[in-house]
């Protein structure tokens, strides 16, 4: 039955760009995790793991947050192993490998190129701020209630909730999405 359903679902026919990037990021990140867990202080595994973590930074936007967090989580046990068989040289080489992949990410972030998409999907922009101020100034509600309803946090919560519900609506998932 599952195979029959999968035959008729459009998202099983091809991978979209998002699906491909997400799958690639997950695969590369899991390989990095496996290599670091398997390393036991061996430099080759540490460097390969660091390289795969670095590649995951370049595959999908979400991994620009996930990968650094995982690197920090995995560096804690490495710090504890320095007394034993893991030398400072190995830690510095691993950290340098990780940092090399951060250079393009930081450069993209600082150039503004990384925030170009954010401008299209952000919830609050200058138009929303002006509309909130206008609603607050022209409202016939009591001042306390006006401040409670027409403010940025209330707008963000309501807009995010509306977007969430629209994202999982049957029309979006099955017809137009």
C-alpha atoms as a PDB file:
ATOM      1  CA  UNK A   1       0.000   0.000   0.000  1.00  0.00           C
ATOM      2  CA  UNK A   2       2.827   2.395   0.876  1.00  0.00           C
ATOM      3  CA  UNK A   3       4.497   1.746  -2.469  1.00  0.00           C
ATOM      4  CA  UNK A   4       1.246   2.402  -4.306  1.00  0.00           C
ATOM      5  CA  UNK A   5       0.781   5.695  -2.458  1.00  0.00           C
ATOM      6  CA  UNK A   6       4.410   6.691  -3.153  1.00  0.00           C
ATOM      7  CA  UNK A   7       3.917   6.120  -6.884  1.00  0.00           C
ATOM      8  CA  UNK A   8       1.290   8.849  -7.080  1.00  0.00           C
ATOM      9  CA  UNK A   9       2.870  11.427  -4.777  1.00  0.00           C
ATOM     10  CA  UNK A  10       4.611  14.135  -6.809  1.00  0.00           C
ATOM     11  CA  UNK A  11       7.463  14.664  -4.333  1.00  0.00           C
ATOM     12  CA  UNK A  12       8.672  11.091  -4.893  1.00  0.00           C
ATOM     13  CA  UNK A  13       9.157  11.699  -8.623  1.00  0.00           C
ATOM     14  CA  UNK A  14      11.974  14.194  -8.271  1.00  0.00           C
ATOM     15  CA  UNK A  15      13.916  15.963  -5.603  1.00  0.00           C
ATOM     16  CA  UNK A  16      13.487  19.672  -5.418  1.00  0.00           C
ATOM     17  CA  UNK A  17      16.473  21.881  -4.783  1.00  0.00           C
ATOM     18  CA  UNK A  18      15.506  22.125  -1.119  1.00  0.00           C
ATOM     19  CA  UNK A  19      15.135  18.356  -0.840  1.00  0.00           C
ATOM     20  CA  UNK A  20      18.485  17.772  -2.501  1.00  0.00           C
ATOM     21  CA  UNK A  21      20.275  20.354  -0.352  1.00  0.00           C
ATOM     22  CA  UNK A  22      18.650  19.081   2.832  1.00  0.00           C
ATOM     23  CA  UNK A  23      19.552  15.472   2.070  1.00  0.00           C
ATOM     24  CA  UNK A  24      23.108  16.406   1.133  1.00  0.00           C
ATOM     25  CA  UNK A  25      23.539  18.470   4.298  1.00  0.00           C
ATOM     26  CA  UNK A  26      22.235  15.690   6.517  1.00  0.00           C
ATOM     27  CA  UNK A  27      24.434  13.095   4.823  1.00  0.00           C
ATOM     28  CA  UNK A  28      27.581  15.198   5.037  1.00  0.00           C
ATOM     29  CA  UNK A  29      26.897  16.145   8.668  1.00  0.00           C
ATOM     30  CA  UNK A  30      26.259  12.539   9.709  1.00  0.00           C
ATOM     31  CA  UNK A  31      29.490  11.455   8.000  1.00  0.00           C
ATOM     32  CA  UNK A  32      31.299  14.169   9.991  1.00  0.00           C
ATOM     33  CA  UNK A  33      29.744  12.935  13.223  1.00  0.00           C
ATOM     34  CA  UNK A  34      30.654   9.322  12.453  1.00  0.00           C
ATOM     35  CA  UNK A  35      34.238  10.233  11.615  1.00  0.00           C
ATOM     36  CA  UNK A  36      34.682  12.255  14.810  1.00  0.00           C
ATOM     37  CA  UNK A  37      33.158   9.510  16.929  1.00  0.00           C
ATOM     38  CA  UNK A  38      35.376   6.925  15.273  1.00  0.00           C
ATOM     39  CA  UNK A  39      38.541   9.019  15.480  1.00  0.00           C
ATOM     40  CA  UNK A  40      39.685   8.159  19.010  1.00  0.00           C
ATOM     41  CA  UNK A  41      42.408  10.761  18.613  1.00  0.00           C
ATOM     42  CA  UNK A  42      43.560   9.742  15.115  1.00  0.00           C
ATOM     43  CA  UNK A  43      44.357  12.856  13.146  1.00  0.00           C
ATOM     44  CA  UNK A  44      43.142  11.576   9.771  1.00  0.00           C
ATOM     45  CA  UNK A  45      39.624  10.894  11.091  1.00  0.00           C
ATOM     46  CA  UNK A  46      39.529  14.194  12.965  1.00  0.00           C
ATOM     47  CA  UNK A  47      40.531  16.163   9.859  1.00  0.00           C
ATOM     48  CA  UNK A  48      38.085  14.301   7.616  1.00  0.00           C
ATOM     49  CA  UNK A  49      35.313  14.813  10.165  1.00  0.00           C
ATOM     50  CA  UNK A  50      36.137  18.507  10.385  1.00  0.00           C
ATOM     51  CA  UNK A  51      36.089  18.751   6.574  1.00  0.00           C
ATOM     52  CA  UNK A  52      32.682  17.078   6.389  1.00  0.00           C
ATOM     53  CA  UNK A  53      31.332  19.393   9.083  1.00  0.00           C
ATOM     54  CA  UNK A  54      32.722  22.264   7.019  1.00  0.00           C
ATOM     55  CA  UNK A  55      31.042  20.986   3.854  1.00  0.00           C
ATOM     56  CA  UNK A  56      27.756  20.800   5.730  1.00  0.00           C
ATOM     57  CA  UNK A  57      28.027  24.552   6.360  1.00  0.00           C
ATOM     58  CA  UNK A  58      28.045  25.130   2.617  1.00  0.00           C
ATOM     59  CA  UNK A  59      25.178  22.807   1.702  1.00  0.00           C
ATOM     60  CA  UNK A  60      22.075  24.116   3.455  1.00  0.00           C
ATOM     61  CA  UNK A  61      21.313  27.281   5.431  1.00  0.00           C
ATOM     62  CA  UNK A  62      20.042  25.504   8.540  1.00  0.00           C
ATOM     63  CA  UNK A  63      23.374  23.768   8.955  1.00  0.00           C
ATOM     64  CA  UNK A  64      25.071  27.116   9.390  1.00  0.00           C
ATOM     65  CA  UNK A  65      23.577  26.964  12.879  1.00  0.00           C
ATOM     66  CA  UNK A  66      23.553  23.202  13.437  1.00  0.00           C
ATOM     67  CA  UNK A  67      27.134  22.422  12.398  1.00  0.00           C
ATOM     68  CA  UNK A  68      28.878  24.974  14.647  1.00  0.00           C
ATOM     69  CA  UNK A  69      26.775  23.746  17.581  1.00  0.00           C
ATOM     70  CA  UNK A  70      27.774  20.163  16.840  1.00  0.00           C
ATOM     71  CA  UNK A  71      31.416  21.156  16.469  1.00  0.00           C
ATOM     72  CA  UNK A  72      31.328  22.790  19.894  1.00  0.00           C
ATOM     73  CA  UNK A  73      29.607  19.737  21.367  1.00  0.00           C
ATOM     74  CA  UNK A  74      32.254  17.436  19.901  1.00  0.00           C
ATOM     75  CA  UNK A  75      35.152  19.696  20.909  1.00  0.00           C
ATOM     76  CA  UNK A  76      34.297  19.299  24.599  1.00  0.00           C
ATOM     77  CA  UNK A  77      35.398  15.629  24.697  1.00  0.00           C
ATOM     78  CA  UNK A  78      38.455  16.508  22.585  1.00  0.00           C
ATOM     79  CA  UNK A  79      39.467  19.057  25.217  1.00  0.00           C
ATOM     80  CA  UNK A  80      39.245  16.371  27.890  1.00  0.00           C
ATOM     81  CA  UNK A  81      41.442  14.031  25.834  1.00  0.00           C
ATOM     82  CA  UNK A  82      44.322  16.506  25.570  1.00  0.00           C
ATOM     83  CA  UNK A  83      45.855  15.149  28.746  1.00  0.00           C
ATOM     84  CA  UNK A  84      45.959  11.684  27.199  1.00  0.00           C
ATOM     85  CA  UNK A  85      46.891  10.870  23.649  1.00  0.00           C
ATOM     86  CA  UNK A  86      45.476  13.868  21.776  1.00  0.00           C
ATOM     87  CA  UNK A  87      48.086  16.540  21.221  1.00  0.00           C
ATOM     88  CA  UNK A  88      47.634  20.259  20.865  1.00  0.00           C
ATOM     89  CA  UNK A  89      48.839  19.937  17.260  1.00  0.00           C
ATOM     90  CA  UNK A  90      45.909  17.650  16.407  1.00  0.00           C
ATOM     91  CA  UNK A  91      43.416  19.988  18.025  1.00  0.00           C
ATOM     92  CA  UNK A  92      44.847  23.036  16.209  1.00  0.00           C
ATOM     93  CA  UNK A  93      44.827  21.255  12.841  1.00  0.00           C
ATOM     94  CA  UNK A  94      41.233  20.132  13.372  1.00  0.00           C
ATOM     95  CA  UNK A  95      40.144  23.613  14.466  1.00  0.00           C
ATOM     96  CA  UNK A  96      41.949  25.187  11.489  1.00  0.00           C
ATOM     97  CA  UNK A  97      40.181  22.805   9.107  1.00  0.00           C
ATOM     98  CA  UNK A  98      36.823  23.798  10.596  1.00  0.00           C
ATOM     99  CA  UNK A  99      37.660  27.502  10.469  1.00  0.00           C
ATOM    100  CA  UNK A 100      38.660  27.341   6.793  1.00  0.00           C
ATOM    101  CA  UNK A 101      35.077  26.446   5.934  1.00  0.00           C
ATOM    102  CA  UNK A 102      33.751  29.305   8.050  1.00  0.00           C
ATOM    103  CA  UNK A 103      35.524  31.905   5.886  1.00  0.00           C
ATOM    104  CA  UNK A 104      33.034  31.811   2.963  1.00  0.00           C
ATOM    105  CA  UNK A 105      30.089  31.681   5.360  1.00  0.00           C
ATOM    106  CA  UNK A 106      31.296  34.735   7.285  1.00  0.00           C
ATOM    107  CA  UNK A 107      32.140  36.525   4.032  1.00  0.00           C
ATOM    108  CA  UNK A 108      28.647  35.863   2.674  1.00  0.00           C
ATOM    109  CA  UNK A 109      27.088  37.009   5.938  1.00  0.00           C
ATOM    110  CA  UNK A 110      29.066  40.254   6.042  1.00  0.00           C
ATOM    111  CA  UNK A 111      28.545  41.080   2.360  1.00  0.00           C
ATOM    112  CA  UNK A 112      24.776  41.201   2.676  1.00  0.00           C
ATOM    113  CA  UNK A 113      24.368  38.492   0.058  1.00  0.00           C
ATOM    114  CA  UNK A 114      23.327  36.063   2.768  1.00  0.00           C
ATOM    115  CA  UNK A 115      20.544  38.317   3.948  1.00  0.00           C
ATOM    116  CA  UNK A 116      19.028  38.880   0.488  1.00  0.00           C
ATOM    117  CA  UNK A 117      16.546  36.017   0.914  1.00  0.00           C
ATOM    118  CA  UNK A 118      15.818  37.128   4.457  1.00  0.00           C
ATOM    119  CA  UNK A 119      14.519  40.422   3.132  1.00  0.00           C
ATOM    120  CA  UNK A 120      11.866  38.509   1.174  1.00  0.00           C
ATOM    121  CA  UNK A 121      10.766  36.255   4.035  1.00  0.00           C
ATOM    122  CA  UNK A 122      11.175  38.462   7.100  1.00  0.00           C
ATOM    123  CA  UNK A 123       8.030  39.114   9.107  1.00  0.00           C
ATOM    124  CA  UNK A 124       8.744  42.719  10.075  1.00  0.00           C
ATOM    125  CA  UNK A 125       9.842  45.333   7.592  1.00  0.00           C
ATOM    126  CA  UNK A 126       9.398  49.101   7.354  1.00  0.00           C
ATOM    127  CA  UNK A 127       5.921  48.730   5.820  1.00  0.00           C
ATOM    128  CA  UNK A 128       4.700  46.619   8.736  1.00  0.00           C
ATOM    129  CA  UNK A 129       6.157  49.050  11.261  1.00  0.00           C
ATOM    130  CA  UNK A 130       4.430  51.972   9.547  1.00  0.00           C
ATOM    131  CA  UNK A 131       1.130  50.046   9.429  1.00  0.00           C
ATOM    132  CA  UNK A 132       1.380  49.169  13.139  1.00  0.00           C
ATOM    133  CA  UNK A 133       2.007  52.819  14.004  1.00  0.00           C
ATOM    134  CA  UNK A 134      -0.931  53.902  11.865  1.00  0.00           C
ATOM    135  CA  UNK A 135      -3.239  51.312  13.444  1.00  0.00           C
ATOM    136  CA  UNK A 136      -2.104  52.412  16.899  1.00  0.00           C
ATOM    137  CA  UNK A 137      -2.705  56.103  16.094  1.00  0.00           C
ATOM    138  CA  UNK A 138      -6.140  55.580  14.512  1.00  0.00           C
ATOM    139  CA  UNK A 139      -7.438  52.931  16.901  1.00  0.00           C
ATOM    140  CA  UNK A 140     -10.597  53.634  18.892  1.00  0.00           C
ATOM    141  CA  UNK A 141      -9.676  51.092  21.553  1.00  0.00           C
ATOM    142  CA  UNK A 142      -8.408  52.100  25.017  1.00  0.00           C
ATOM    143  CA  UNK A 143      -4.686  53.019  24.981  1.00  0.00           C
ATOM    144  CA  UNK A 144      -3.572  49.980  27.008  1.00  0.00           C
ATOM    145  CA  UNK A 145      -5.429  47.592  24.706  1.00  0.00           C
ATOM    146  CA  UNK A 146      -4.118  49.406  21.638  1.00  0.00           C
ATOM    147  CA  UNK A 147      -0.531  48.958  22.850  1.00  0.00           C
ATOM    148  CA  UNK A 148      -1.238  45.298  23.612  1.00  0.00           C
ATOM    149  CA  UNK A 149      -2.679  44.545  20.174  1.00  0.00           C
ATOM    150  CA  UNK A 150      -0.656  46.761  17.835  1.00  0.00           C
ATOM    151  CA  UNK A 151       2.979  46.001  18.648  1.00  0.00           C
ATOM    152  CA  UNK A 152       5.835  44.085  17.028  1.00  0.00           C
ATOM    153  CA  UNK A 153       5.823  40.967  19.255  1.00  0.00           C
ATOM    154  CA  UNK A 154       2.064  40.519  18.842  1.00  0.00           C
ATOM    155  CA  UNK A 155       2.388  40.958  15.082  1.00  0.00           C
ATOM    156  CA  UNK A 156       5.262  38.456  14.825  1.00  0.00           C
ATOM    157  CA  UNK A 157       3.391  35.835  16.854  1.00  0.00           C
ATOM    158  CA  UNK A 158       0.210  36.227  14.824  1.00  0.00           C
ATOM    159  CA  UNK A 159       2.007  36.329  11.449  1.00  0.00           C
ATOM    160  CA  UNK A 160       4.134  33.285  12.337  1.00  0.00           C
ATOM    161  CA  UNK A 161       1.049  31.373  13.474  1.00  0.00           C
ATOM    162  CA  UNK A 162      -0.817  32.255  10.268  1.00  0.00           C
ATOM    163  CA  UNK A 163       2.181  31.229   8.129  1.00  0.00           C
ATOM    164  CA  UNK A 164       2.517  27.972  10.068  1.00  0.00           C
ATOM    165  CA  UNK A 165      -1.134  27.073   9.556  1.00  0.00           C
ATOM    166  CA  UNK A 166      -0.957  28.009   5.851  1.00  0.00           C
ATOM    167  CA  UNK A 167       2.184  25.911   5.420  1.00  0.00           C
ATOM    168  CA  UNK A 168       0.436  22.775   6.682  1.00  0.00           C
ATOM    169  CA  UNK A 169      -2.921  23.435   5.049  1.00  0.00           C
ATOM    170  CA  UNK A 170      -4.264  20.725   2.734  1.00  0.00           C
ATOM    171  CA  UNK A 171      -4.478  23.237  -0.122  1.00  0.00           C
ATOM    172  CA  UNK A 172      -0.769  24.079   0.112  1.00  0.00           C
ATOM    173  CA  UNK A 173       0.384  20.504   0.698  1.00  0.00           C
ATOM    174  CA  UNK A 174      -1.753  18.821  -1.918  1.00  0.00           C
ATOM    175  CA  UNK A 175      -2.769  21.345  -4.565  1.00  0.00           C
ATOM    176  CA  UNK A 176      -0.675  24.498  -4.858  1.00  0.00           C
ATOM    177  CA  UNK A 177       2.463  23.793  -2.785  1.00  0.00           C
END
